[in-house]
């Protein structure tokens, strides 16, 4: 995710990173974000669990974009149930990712 933050910062975005789901929760409690970009598979908590945490525990409707190397119908269904704004399968083109982020933020 560090590489991703470099790409986003070059495009003028501010980006926080977390090496695992527990660190991400700490960031989410302390900060407000315009968009969450989360991987499905993280140590301790999945990206979907993080979005559920934001939606239920923090009661925020922050848009979320899922990045994953695994594209199965069950995960896509769960992402849809959570109101995920986008679902991108790795490997991805950084230009496409930035365009998707800009599209989500401009809604």
PDB file of N, CA and C in Angstrom:
ATOM      1  N   UNK A   1       0.818  -1.197   0.000  1.00  0.00           N
ATOM      2  CA  UNK A   1       0.000   0.000   0.000  1.00  0.00           C
ATOM      3  C   UNK A   1       0.866   1.267   0.000  1.00  0.00           C
ATOM      4  N   UNK A   2       2.112   1.148   0.390  1.00  0.00           N
ATOM      5  CA  UNK A   2       2.988   2.316   0.390  1.00  0.00           C
ATOM      6  C   UNK A   2       3.153   2.852  -1.029  1.00  0.00           C
ATOM      7  N   UNK A   3       3.294   1.957  -2.008  1.00  0.00           N
ATOM      8  CA  UNK A   3       3.401   2.371  -3.400  1.00  0.00           C
ATOM      9  C   UNK A   3       2.140   3.106  -3.826  1.00  0.00           C
ATOM     10  N   UNK A   4       0.999   2.612  -3.384  1.00  0.00           N
ATOM     11  CA  UNK A   4      -0.271   3.250  -3.704  1.00  0.00           C
ATOM     12  C   UNK A   4      -0.314   4.664  -3.146  1.00  0.00           C
ATOM     13  N   UNK A   5       0.153   4.843  -1.921  1.00  0.00           N
ATOM     14  CA  UNK A   5       0.128   6.188  -1.338  1.00  0.00           C
ATOM     15  C   UNK A   5       1.026   7.147  -2.118  1.00  0.00           C
ATOM     16  N   UNK A   6       2.140   6.668  -2.641  1.00  0.00           N
ATOM     17  CA  UNK A   6       3.025   7.516  -3.454  1.00  0.00           C
ATOM     18  C   UNK A   6       2.298   7.951  -4.724  1.00  0.00           C
ATOM     19  N   UNK A   7       1.611   7.012  -5.380  1.00  0.00           N
ATOM     20  CA  UNK A   7       0.850   7.335  -6.588  1.00  0.00           C
ATOM     21  C   UNK A   7      -0.206   8.391  -6.274  1.00  0.00           C
ATOM     22  N   UNK A   8      -0.934   8.207  -5.172  1.00  0.00           N
ATOM     23  CA  UNK A   8      -2.004   9.143  -4.821  1.00  0.00           C
ATOM     24  C   UNK A   8      -1.456  10.511  -4.452  1.00  0.00           C
ATOM     25  N   UNK A   9      -0.350  10.534  -3.722  1.00  0.00           N
ATOM     26  CA  UNK A   9       0.246  11.819  -3.332  1.00  0.00           C
ATOM     27  C   UNK A   9       0.757  12.584  -4.551  1.00  0.00           C
ATOM     28  N   UNK A  10       1.255  11.878  -5.551  1.00  0.00           N
ATOM     29  CA  UNK A  10       1.687  12.537  -6.796  1.00  0.00           C
ATOM     30  C   UNK A  10       0.509  13.197  -7.509  1.00  0.00           C
ATOM     31  N   UNK A  11      -0.689  12.655  -7.276  1.00  0.00           N
ATOM     32  CA  UNK A  11      -1.895  13.206  -7.895  1.00  0.00           C
ATOM     33  C   UNK A  11      -2.541  14.301  -7.038  1.00  0.00           C
ATOM     34  N   UNK A  12      -1.893  14.639  -5.905  1.00  0.00           N
ATOM     35  CA  UNK A  12      -2.392  15.717  -5.067  1.00  0.00           C
ATOM     36  C   UNK A  12      -3.268  15.287  -3.907  1.00  0.00           C
ATOM     37  N   UNK A  13      -3.412  13.981  -3.709  1.00  0.00           N
ATOM     38  CA  UNK A  13      -4.203  13.478  -2.584  1.00  0.00           C
ATOM     39  C   UNK A  13      -3.324  13.317  -1.355  1.00  0.00           C
ATOM     40  N   UNK A  14      -3.932  13.429  -0.184  1.00  0.00           N
ATOM     41  CA  UNK A  14      -3.255  13.053   1.052  1.00  0.00           C
ATOM     42  C   UNK A  14      -3.622  11.611   1.325  1.00  0.00           C
ATOM     43  N   UNK A  15      -2.652  10.802   1.737  1.00  0.00           N
ATOM     44  CA  UNK A  15      -2.926   9.380   1.956  1.00  0.00           C
ATOM     45  C   UNK A  15      -2.301   8.900   3.253  1.00  0.00           C
ATOM     46  N   UNK A  16      -3.092   8.186   4.048  1.00  0.00           N
ATOM     47  CA  UNK A  16      -2.587   7.477   5.220  1.00  0.00           C
ATOM     48  C   UNK A  16      -2.494   6.005   4.850  1.00  0.00           C
ATOM     49  N   UNK A  17      -1.535   5.323   5.440  1.00  0.00           N
ATOM     50  CA  UNK A  17      -1.433   3.885   5.219  1.00  0.00           C
ATOM     51  C   UNK A  17      -1.445   3.170   6.562  1.00  0.00           C
ATOM     52  N   UNK A  18      -1.847   1.923   6.513  1.00  0.00           N
ATOM     53  CA  UNK A  18      -1.838   1.079   7.713  1.00  0.00           C
ATOM     54  C   UNK A  18      -1.371  -0.304   7.300  1.00  0.00           C
ATOM     55  N   UNK A  19      -0.441  -0.854   8.055  1.00  0.00           N
ATOM     56  CA  UNK A  19       0.116  -2.150   7.690  1.00  0.00           C
ATOM     57  C   UNK A  19      -0.795  -3.328   8.015  1.00  0.00           C
ATOM     58  N   UNK A  20      -1.812  -3.077   8.837  1.00  0.00           N
ATOM     59  CA  UNK A  20      -2.771  -4.136   9.140  1.00  0.00           C
ATOM     60  C   UNK A  20      -4.104  -3.529   9.562  1.00  0.00           C
ATOM     61  N   UNK A  21      -5.091  -4.385   9.725  1.00  0.00           N
ATOM     62  CA  UNK A  21      -6.432  -3.930  10.060  1.00  0.00           C
ATOM     63  C   UNK A  21      -6.538  -3.247  11.406  1.00  0.00           C
ATOM     64  N   UNK A  22      -5.752  -3.671  12.375  1.00  0.00           N
ATOM     65  CA  UNK A  22      -5.820  -3.040  13.694  1.00  0.00           C
ATOM     66  C   UNK A  22      -5.286  -1.608  13.669  1.00  0.00           C
ATOM     67  N   UNK A  23      -4.200  -1.402  12.949  1.00  0.00           N
ATOM     68  CA  UNK A  23      -3.661  -0.039  12.804  1.00  0.00           C
ATOM     69  C   UNK A  23      -4.659   0.822  12.029  1.00  0.00           C
ATOM     70  N   UNK A  24      -5.295   0.231  11.035  1.00  0.00           N
ATOM     71  CA  UNK A  24      -6.303   0.967  10.273  1.00  0.00           C
ATOM     72  C   UNK A  24      -7.436   1.432  11.176  1.00  0.00           C
ATOM     73  N   UNK A  25      -7.878   0.581  12.099  1.00  0.00           N
ATOM     74  CA  UNK A  25      -8.944   0.966  13.032  1.00  0.00           C
ATOM     75  C   UNK A  25      -8.507   2.168  13.868  1.00  0.00           C
ATOM     76  N   UNK A  26      -7.264   2.158  14.332  1.00  0.00           N
ATOM     77  CA  UNK A  26      -6.755   3.297  15.110  1.00  0.00           C
ATOM     78  C   UNK A  26      -6.827   4.586  14.286  1.00  0.00           C
ATOM     79  N   UNK A  27      -6.410   4.508  13.021  1.00  0.00           N
ATOM     80  CA  UNK A  27      -6.486   5.686  12.137  1.00  0.00           C
ATOM     81  C   UNK A  27      -7.937   6.130  11.956  1.00  0.00           C
ATOM     82  N   UNK A  28      -8.823   5.169  11.754  1.00  0.00           N
ATOM     83  CA  UNK A  28     -10.230   5.492  11.490  1.00  0.00           C
ATOM     84  C   UNK A  28     -10.903   6.148  12.683  1.00  0.00           C
ATOM     85  N   UNK A  29     -10.516   5.754  13.881  1.00  0.00           N
ATOM     86  CA  UNK A  29     -11.081   6.348  15.097  1.00  0.00           C
ATOM     87  C   UNK A  29     -10.605   7.797  15.255  1.00  0.00           C
ATOM     88  N   UNK A  30      -9.357   8.052  14.923  1.00  0.00           N
ATOM     89  CA  UNK A  30      -8.753   9.363  15.157  1.00  0.00           C
ATOM     90  C   UNK A  30      -8.973  10.374  14.031  1.00  0.00           C
ATOM     91  N   UNK A  31      -9.295   9.903  12.831  1.00  0.00           N
ATOM     92  CA  UNK A  31      -9.331  10.783  11.665  1.00  0.00           C
ATOM     93  C   UNK A  31     -10.624  10.628  10.870  1.00  0.00           C
ATOM     94  N   UNK A  32     -10.961  11.673  10.147  1.00  0.00           N
ATOM     95  CA  UNK A  32     -12.052  11.615   9.173  1.00  0.00           C
ATOM     96  C   UNK A  32     -11.416  11.548   7.784  1.00  0.00           C
ATOM     97  N   UNK A  33     -11.971  10.706   6.941  1.00  0.00           N
ATOM     98  CA  UNK A  33     -11.442  10.529   5.591  1.00  0.00           C
ATOM     99  C   UNK A  33     -12.541  10.786   4.572  1.00  0.00           C
ATOM    100  N   UNK A  34     -12.128  11.252   3.399  1.00  0.00           N
ATOM    101  CA  UNK A  34     -13.061  11.454   2.295  1.00  0.00           C
ATOM    102  C   UNK A  34     -13.339  10.151   1.562  1.00  0.00           C
ATOM    103  N   UNK A  35     -12.370   9.227   1.617  1.00  0.00           N
ATOM    104  CA  UNK A  35     -12.480   7.952   0.915  1.00  0.00           C
ATOM    105  C   UNK A  35     -11.595   6.929   1.601  1.00  0.00           C
ATOM    106  N   UNK A  36     -12.087   5.708   1.671  1.00  0.00           N
ATOM    107  CA  UNK A  36     -11.276   4.591   2.160  1.00  0.00           C
ATOM    108  C   UNK A  36     -10.877   3.745   0.962  1.00  0.00           C
ATOM    109  N   UNK A  37      -9.604   3.437   0.841  1.00  0.00           N
ATOM    110  CA  UNK A  37      -9.120   2.498  -0.166  1.00  0.00           C
ATOM    111  C   UNK A  37      -8.532   1.343   0.625  1.00  0.00           C
ATOM    112  N   UNK A  38      -9.219   0.202   0.580  1.00  0.00           N
ATOM    113  CA  UNK A  38      -8.823  -0.923   1.431  1.00  0.00           C
ATOM    114  C   UNK A  38      -8.651  -2.195   0.617  1.00  0.00           C
ATOM    115  N   UNK A  39      -7.693  -2.994   1.054  1.00  0.00           N
ATOM    116  CA  UNK A  39      -7.482  -4.311   0.476  1.00  0.00           C
ATOM    117  C   UNK A  39      -8.410  -5.287   1.187  1.00  0.00           C
ATOM    118  N   UNK A  40      -8.896  -6.268   0.471  1.00  0.00           N
ATOM    119  CA  UNK A  40      -9.750  -7.279   1.101  1.00  0.00           C
ATOM    120  C   UNK A  40      -8.962  -8.047   2.147  1.00  0.00           C
ATOM    121  N   UNK A  41      -7.753  -8.481   1.793  1.00  0.00           N
ATOM    122  CA  UNK A  41      -6.964  -9.335   2.684  1.00  0.00           C
ATOM    123  C   UNK A  41      -5.908  -8.519   3.412  1.00  0.00           C
ATOM    124  N   UNK A  42      -6.167  -8.259   4.685  1.00  0.00           N
ATOM    125  CA  UNK A  42      -5.223  -7.579   5.567  1.00  0.00           C
ATOM    126  C   UNK A  42      -5.029  -8.435   6.810  1.00  0.00           C
ATOM    127  N   UNK A  43      -3.880  -8.344   7.456  1.00  0.00           N
ATOM    128  CA  UNK A  43      -3.732  -9.038   8.736  1.00  0.00           C
ATOM    129  C   UNK A  43      -4.718  -8.479   9.767  1.00  0.00           C
ATOM    130  N   UNK A  44      -5.276  -9.329  10.575  1.00  0.00           N
ATOM    131  CA  UNK A  44      -6.161  -9.031  11.713  1.00  0.00           C
ATOM    132  C   UNK A  44      -7.591  -8.678  11.330  1.00  0.00           C
ATOM    133  N   UNK A  45      -7.807  -7.861  10.325  1.00  0.00           N
ATOM    134  CA  UNK A  45      -9.161  -7.495   9.888  1.00  0.00           C
ATOM    135  C   UNK A  45      -9.149  -7.338   8.369  1.00  0.00           C
ATOM    136  N   UNK A  46     -10.181  -7.825   7.739  1.00  0.00           N
ATOM    137  CA  UNK A  46     -10.256  -7.666   6.285  1.00  0.00           C
ATOM    138  C   UNK A  46     -10.724  -6.254   5.937  1.00  0.00           C
ATOM    139  N   UNK A  47     -10.541  -5.896   4.689  1.00  0.00           N
ATOM    140  CA  UNK A  47     -11.035  -4.611   4.229  1.00  0.00           C
ATOM    141  C   UNK A  47     -12.534  -4.480   4.405  1.00  0.00           C
ATOM    142  N   UNK A  48     -13.261  -5.578   4.181  1.00  0.00           N
ATOM    143  CA  UNK A  48     -14.712  -5.548   4.389  1.00  0.00           C
ATOM    144  C   UNK A  48     -15.053  -5.325   5.854  1.00  0.00           C
ATOM    145  N   UNK A  49     -14.297  -5.934   6.759  1.00  0.00           N
ATOM    146  CA  UNK A  49     -14.520  -5.715   8.189  1.00  0.00           C
ATOM    147  C   UNK A  49     -14.262  -4.259   8.565  1.00  0.00           C
ATOM    148  N   UNK A  50     -13.269  -3.648   7.935  1.00  0.00           N
ATOM    149  CA  UNK A  50     -12.992  -2.235   8.205  1.00  0.00           C
ATOM    150  C   UNK A  50     -14.150  -1.357   7.755  1.00  0.00           C
ATOM    151  N   UNK A  51     -14.692  -1.639   6.586  1.00  0.00           N
ATOM    152  CA  UNK A  51     -15.824  -0.848   6.101  1.00  0.00           C
ATOM    153  C   UNK A  51     -17.032  -1.062   7.015  1.00  0.00           C
ATOM    154  N   UNK A  52     -17.275  -2.304   7.451  1.00  0.00           N
ATOM    155  CA  UNK A  52     -18.376  -2.568   8.387  1.00  0.00           C
ATOM    156  C   UNK A  52     -18.169  -1.782   9.679  1.00  0.00           C
ATOM    157  N   UNK A  53     -16.925  -1.725  10.170  1.00  0.00           N
ATOM    158  CA  UNK A  53     -16.605  -0.980  11.380  1.00  0.00           C
ATOM    159  C   UNK A  53     -16.940   0.498  11.213  1.00  0.00           C
ATOM    160  N   UNK A  54     -16.549   1.068  10.090  1.00  0.00           N
ATOM    161  CA  UNK A  54     -16.821   2.483   9.824  1.00  0.00           C
ATOM    162  C   UNK A  54     -18.323   2.729   9.770  1.00  0.00           C
ATOM    163  N   UNK A  55     -19.033   1.849   9.072  1.00  0.00           N
ATOM    164  CA  UNK A  55     -20.478   2.018   8.896  1.00  0.00           C
ATOM    165  C   UNK A  55     -21.247   1.825  10.205  1.00  0.00           C
ATOM    166  N   UNK A  56     -20.924   0.773  10.968  1.00  0.00           N
ATOM    167  CA  UNK A  56     -21.720   0.464  12.162  1.00  0.00           C
ATOM    168  C   UNK A  56     -21.172   1.116  13.432  1.00  0.00           C
ATOM    169  N   UNK A  57     -19.903   0.904  13.740  1.00  0.00           N
ATOM    170  CA  UNK A  57     -19.357   1.414  15.002  1.00  0.00           C
ATOM    171  C   UNK A  57     -19.148   2.927  14.981  1.00  0.00           C
ATOM    172  N   UNK A  58     -18.602   3.433  13.879  1.00  0.00           N
ATOM    173  CA  UNK A  58     -18.330   4.872  13.794  1.00  0.00           C
ATOM    174  C   UNK A  58     -19.499   5.652  13.205  1.00  0.00           C
ATOM    175  N   UNK A  59     -20.461   4.933  12.643  1.00  0.00           N
ATOM    176  CA  UNK A  59     -21.668   5.543  12.072  1.00  0.00           C
ATOM    177  C   UNK A  59     -21.330   6.595  11.013  1.00  0.00           C
ATOM    178  N   UNK A  60     -20.376   6.245  10.142  1.00  0.00           N
ATOM    179  CA  UNK A  60     -19.982   7.130   9.050  1.00  0.00           C
ATOM    180  C   UNK A  60     -20.292   6.436   7.730  1.00  0.00           C
ATOM    181  N   UNK A  61     -20.621   7.225   6.747  1.00  0.00           N
ATOM    182  CA  UNK A  61     -20.934   6.695   5.425  1.00  0.00           C
ATOM    183  C   UNK A  61     -19.830   7.066   4.437  1.00  0.00           C
ATOM    184  N   UNK A  62     -18.585   6.959   4.877  1.00  0.00           N
ATOM    185  CA  UNK A  62     -17.436   7.285   4.041  1.00  0.00           C
ATOM    186  C   UNK A  62     -17.393   6.353   2.836  1.00  0.00           C
ATOM    187  N   UNK A  63     -17.272   6.893   1.624  1.00  0.00           N
ATOM    188  CA  UNK A  63     -17.158   6.017   0.455  1.00  0.00           C
ATOM    189  C   UNK A  63     -15.942   5.113   0.590  1.00  0.00           C
ATOM    190  N   UNK A  64     -16.035   3.915   0.030  1.00  0.00           N
ATOM    191  CA  UNK A  64     -14.937   2.958   0.118  1.00  0.00           C
ATOM    192  C   UNK A  64     -14.696   2.316  -1.236  1.00  0.00           C
ATOM    193  N   UNK A  65     -13.428   2.113  -1.523  1.00  0.00           N
ATOM    194  CA  UNK A  65     -12.979   1.444  -2.735  1.00  0.00           C
ATOM    195  C   UNK A  65     -12.182   0.219  -2.304  1.00  0.00           C
ATOM    196  N   UNK A  66     -12.569  -0.930  -2.815  1.00  0.00           N
ATOM    197  CA  UNK A  66     -11.902  -2.183  -2.465  1.00  0.00           C
ATOM    198  C   UNK A  66     -10.871  -2.522  -3.532  1.00  0.00           C
ATOM    199  N   UNK A  67      -9.663  -2.882  -3.078  1.00  0.00           N
ATOM    200  CA  UNK A  67      -8.624  -3.420  -3.946  1.00  0.00           C
ATOM    201  C   UNK A  67      -8.411  -4.866  -3.541  1.00  0.00           C
ATOM    202  N   UNK A  68      -8.320  -5.750  -4.512  1.00  0.00           N
ATOM    203  CA  UNK A  68      -8.118  -7.143  -4.161  1.00  0.00           C
ATOM    204  C   UNK A  68      -7.478  -7.916  -5.299  1.00  0.00           C
ATOM    205  N   UNK A  69      -6.737  -8.937  -4.935  1.00  0.00           N
ATOM    206  CA  UNK A  69      -6.186  -9.858  -5.930  1.00  0.00           C
ATOM    207  C   UNK A  69      -7.184 -10.980  -6.191  1.00  0.00           C
ATOM    208  N   UNK A  70      -8.224 -11.048  -5.372  1.00  0.00           N
ATOM    209  CA  UNK A  70      -9.208 -12.126  -5.463  1.00  0.00           C
ATOM    210  C   UNK A  70     -10.561 -11.546  -5.862  1.00  0.00           C
ATOM    211  N   UNK A  71     -11.076 -12.036  -6.947  1.00  0.00           N
ATOM    212  CA  UNK A  71     -12.369 -11.548  -7.414  1.00  0.00           C
ATOM    213  C   UNK A  71     -13.351 -12.709  -7.441  1.00  0.00           C
ATOM    214  N   UNK A  72     -14.066 -12.891  -6.352  1.00  0.00           N
ATOM    215  CA  UNK A  72     -15.099 -13.918  -6.385  1.00  0.00           C
ATOM    216  C   UNK A  72     -16.455 -13.276  -6.137  1.00  0.00           C
ATOM    217  N   UNK A  73     -17.487 -13.975  -6.535  1.00  0.00           N
ATOM    218  CA  UNK A  73     -18.837 -13.409  -6.473  1.00  0.00           C
ATOM    219  C   UNK A  73     -19.297 -13.145  -5.043  1.00  0.00           C
ATOM    220  N   UNK A  74     -18.873 -13.961  -4.087  1.00  0.00           N
ATOM    221  CA  UNK A  74     -19.297 -13.752  -2.700  1.00  0.00           C
ATOM    222  C   UNK A  74     -18.729 -12.441  -2.153  1.00  0.00           C
ATOM    223  N   UNK A  75     -17.453 -12.181  -2.416  1.00  0.00           N
ATOM    224  CA  UNK A  75     -16.856 -10.926  -1.938  1.00  0.00           C
ATOM    225  C   UNK A  75     -17.503  -9.728  -2.618  1.00  0.00           C
ATOM    226  N   UNK A  76     -17.769  -9.849  -3.908  1.00  0.00           N
ATOM    227  CA  UNK A  76     -18.417  -8.754  -4.619  1.00  0.00           C
ATOM    228  C   UNK A  76     -19.826  -8.516  -4.079  1.00  0.00           C
ATOM    229  N   UNK A  77     -20.518  -9.596  -3.712  1.00  0.00           N
ATOM    230  CA  UNK A  77     -21.855  -9.466  -3.131  1.00  0.00           C
ATOM    231  C   UNK A  77     -21.774  -8.755  -1.783  1.00  0.00           C
ATOM    232  N   UNK A  78     -20.817  -9.171  -0.937  1.00  0.00           N
ATOM    233  CA  UNK A  78     -20.644  -8.525   0.370  1.00  0.00           C
ATOM    234  C   UNK A  78     -20.293  -7.057   0.202  1.00  0.00           C
ATOM    235  N   UNK A  79     -19.434  -6.760  -0.756  1.00  0.00           N
ATOM    236  CA  UNK A  79     -19.057  -5.369  -1.017  1.00  0.00           C
ATOM    237  C   UNK A  79     -20.283  -4.569  -1.444  1.00  0.00           C
ATOM    238  N   UNK A  80     -21.112  -5.160  -2.270  1.00  0.00           N
ATOM    239  CA  UNK A  80     -22.341  -4.493  -2.701  1.00  0.00           C
ATOM    240  C   UNK A  80     -23.289  -4.236  -1.551  1.00  0.00           C
ATOM    241  N   UNK A  81     -23.406  -5.193  -0.632  1.00  0.00           N
ATOM    242  CA  UNK A  81     -24.281  -5.036   0.530  1.00  0.00           C
ATOM    243  C   UNK A  81     -23.816  -3.903   1.437  1.00  0.00           C
ATOM    244  N   UNK A  82     -22.511  -3.653   1.453  1.00  0.00           N
ATOM    245  CA  UNK A  82     -21.958  -2.579   2.279  1.00  0.00           C
ATOM    246  C   UNK A  82     -21.995  -1.226   1.575  1.00  0.00           C
ATOM    247  N   UNK A  83     -22.444  -1.209   0.345  1.00  0.00           N
ATOM    248  CA  UNK A  83     -22.488   0.048  -0.397  1.00  0.00           C
ATOM    249  C   UNK A  83     -21.122   0.511  -0.850  1.00  0.00           C
ATOM    250  N   UNK A  84     -20.247  -0.432  -1.145  1.00  0.00           N
ATOM    251  CA  UNK A  84     -18.908  -0.096  -1.606  1.00  0.00           C
ATOM    252  C   UNK A  84     -19.009   0.666  -2.929  1.00  0.00           C
ATOM    253  N   UNK A  85     -18.233   1.726  -3.051  1.00  0.00           N
ATOM    254  CA  UNK A  85     -18.287   2.586  -4.236  1.00  0.00           C
ATOM    255  C   UNK A  85     -17.540   2.028  -5.432  1.00  0.00           C
ATOM    256  N   UNK A  86     -16.618   1.111  -5.206  1.00  0.00           N
ATOM    257  CA  UNK A  86     -15.847   0.544  -6.303  1.00  0.00           C
ATOM    258  C   UNK A  86     -15.102  -0.689  -5.860  1.00  0.00           C
ATOM    259  N   UNK A  87     -14.771  -1.524  -6.835  1.00  0.00           N
ATOM    260  CA  UNK A  87     -14.128  -2.810  -6.582  1.00  0.00           C
ATOM    261  C   UNK A  87     -13.113  -3.007  -7.696  1.00  0.00           C
ATOM    262  N   UNK A  88     -11.823  -2.931  -7.379  1.00  0.00           N
ATOM    263  CA  UNK A  88     -10.773  -3.025  -8.390  1.00  0.00           C
ATOM    264  C   UNK A  88      -9.923  -4.261  -8.114  1.00  0.00           C
ATOM    265  N   UNK A  89      -9.718  -5.044  -9.163  1.00  0.00           N
ATOM    266  CA  UNK A  89      -8.942  -6.277  -9.048  1.00  0.00           C
ATOM    267  C   UNK A  89      -7.486  -6.005  -9.448  1.00  0.00           C
ATOM    268  N   UNK A  90      -6.573  -6.495  -8.607  1.00  0.00           N
ATOM    269  CA  UNK A  90      -5.133  -6.374  -8.887  1.00  0.00           C
ATOM    270  C   UNK A  90      -4.745  -7.435  -9.909  1.00  0.00           C
ATOM    271  N   UNK A  91      -3.747  -7.194 -10.710  1.00  0.00           N
ATOM    272  CA  UNK A  91      -3.024  -5.931 -10.847  1.00  0.00           C
ATOM    273  C   UNK A  91      -3.896  -4.910 -11.565  1.00  0.00           C
ATOM    274  N   UNK A  92      -3.664  -3.661 -11.266  1.00  0.00           N
ATOM    275  CA  UNK A  92      -4.473  -2.606 -11.863  1.00  0.00           C
ATOM    276  C   UNK A  92      -3.551  -1.518 -12.403  1.00  0.00           C
ATOM    277  N   UNK A  93      -4.085  -0.741 -13.290  1.00  0.00           N
ATOM    278  CA  UNK A  93      -3.366   0.389 -13.858  1.00  0.00           C
ATOM    279  C   UNK A  93      -3.566   1.585 -12.925  1.00  0.00           C
ATOM    280  N   UNK A  94      -2.492   2.196 -12.423  1.00  0.00           N
ATOM    281  CA  UNK A  94      -2.633   3.343 -11.522  1.00  0.00           C
ATOM    282  C   UNK A  94      -3.463   4.481 -12.106  1.00  0.00           C
ATOM    283  N   UNK A  95      -3.386   4.684 -13.409  1.00  0.00           N
ATOM    284  CA  UNK A  95      -4.179   5.740 -14.050  1.00  0.00           C
ATOM    285  C   UNK A  95      -5.670   5.440 -13.886  1.00  0.00           C
ATOM    286  N   UNK A  96      -6.043   4.166 -14.063  1.00  0.00           N
ATOM    287  CA  UNK A  96      -7.441   3.766 -13.898  1.00  0.00           C
ATOM    288  C   UNK A  96      -7.893   3.928 -12.447  1.00  0.00           C
ATOM    289  N   UNK A  97      -7.005   3.589 -11.511  1.00  0.00           N
ATOM    290  CA  UNK A  97      -7.331   3.737 -10.090  1.00  0.00           C
ATOM    291  C   UNK A  97      -7.575   5.198  -9.743  1.00  0.00           C
ATOM    292  N   UNK A  98      -6.698   6.077 -10.184  1.00  0.00           N
ATOM    293  CA  UNK A  98      -6.843   7.508  -9.900  1.00  0.00           C
ATOM    294  C   UNK A  98      -8.138   8.031 -10.514  1.00  0.00           C
ATOM    295  N   UNK A  99      -8.441   7.592 -11.731  1.00  0.00           N
ATOM    296  CA  UNK A  99      -9.695   8.024 -12.381  1.00  0.00           C
ATOM    297  C   UNK A  99     -10.900   7.553 -11.573  1.00  0.00           C
ATOM    298  N   UNK A 100     -10.869   6.324 -11.065  1.00  0.00           N
ATOM    299  CA  UNK A 100     -11.978   5.804 -10.264  1.00  0.00           C
ATOM    300  C   UNK A 100     -12.111   6.601  -8.973  1.00  0.00           C
ATOM    301  N   UNK A 101     -10.999   6.902  -8.316  1.00  0.00           N
ATOM    302  CA  UNK A 101     -11.029   7.689  -7.080  1.00  0.00           C
ATOM    303  C   UNK A 101     -11.622   9.075  -7.345  1.00  0.00           C
ATOM    304  N   UNK A 102     -11.177   9.730  -8.399  1.00  0.00           N
ATOM    305  CA  UNK A 102     -11.712  11.055  -8.729  1.00  0.00           C
ATOM    306  C   UNK A 102     -13.204  10.990  -9.019  1.00  0.00           C
ATOM    307  N   UNK A 103     -13.626   9.944  -9.692  1.00  0.00           N
ATOM    308  CA  UNK A 103     -15.052   9.760  -9.990  1.00  0.00           C
ATOM    309  C   UNK A 103     -15.871   9.611  -8.694  1.00  0.00           C
ATOM    310  N   UNK A 104     -15.369   8.816  -7.770  1.00  0.00           N
ATOM    311  CA  UNK A 104     -16.073   8.602  -6.500  1.00  0.00           C
ATOM    312  C   UNK A 104     -16.144   9.904  -5.703  1.00  0.00           C
ATOM    313  N   UNK A 105     -15.031  10.619  -5.646  1.00  0.00           N
ATOM    314  CA  UNK A 105     -14.992  11.850  -4.859  1.00  0.00           C
ATOM    315  C   UNK A 105     -15.818  12.978  -5.457  1.00  0.00           C
ATOM    316  N   UNK A 106     -16.042  12.949  -6.759  1.00  0.00           N
ATOM    317  CA  UNK A 106     -16.819  13.995  -7.424  1.00  0.00           C
ATOM    318  C   UNK A 106     -18.314  13.755  -7.377  1.00  0.00           C
ATOM    319  N   UNK A 107     -18.744  12.628  -6.838  1.00  0.00           N
ATOM    320  CA  UNK A 107     -20.189  12.328  -6.757  1.00  0.00           C
ATOM    321  C   UNK A 107     -20.817  13.102  -5.643  1.00  0.00           C
TER     322      UNK A 107
END
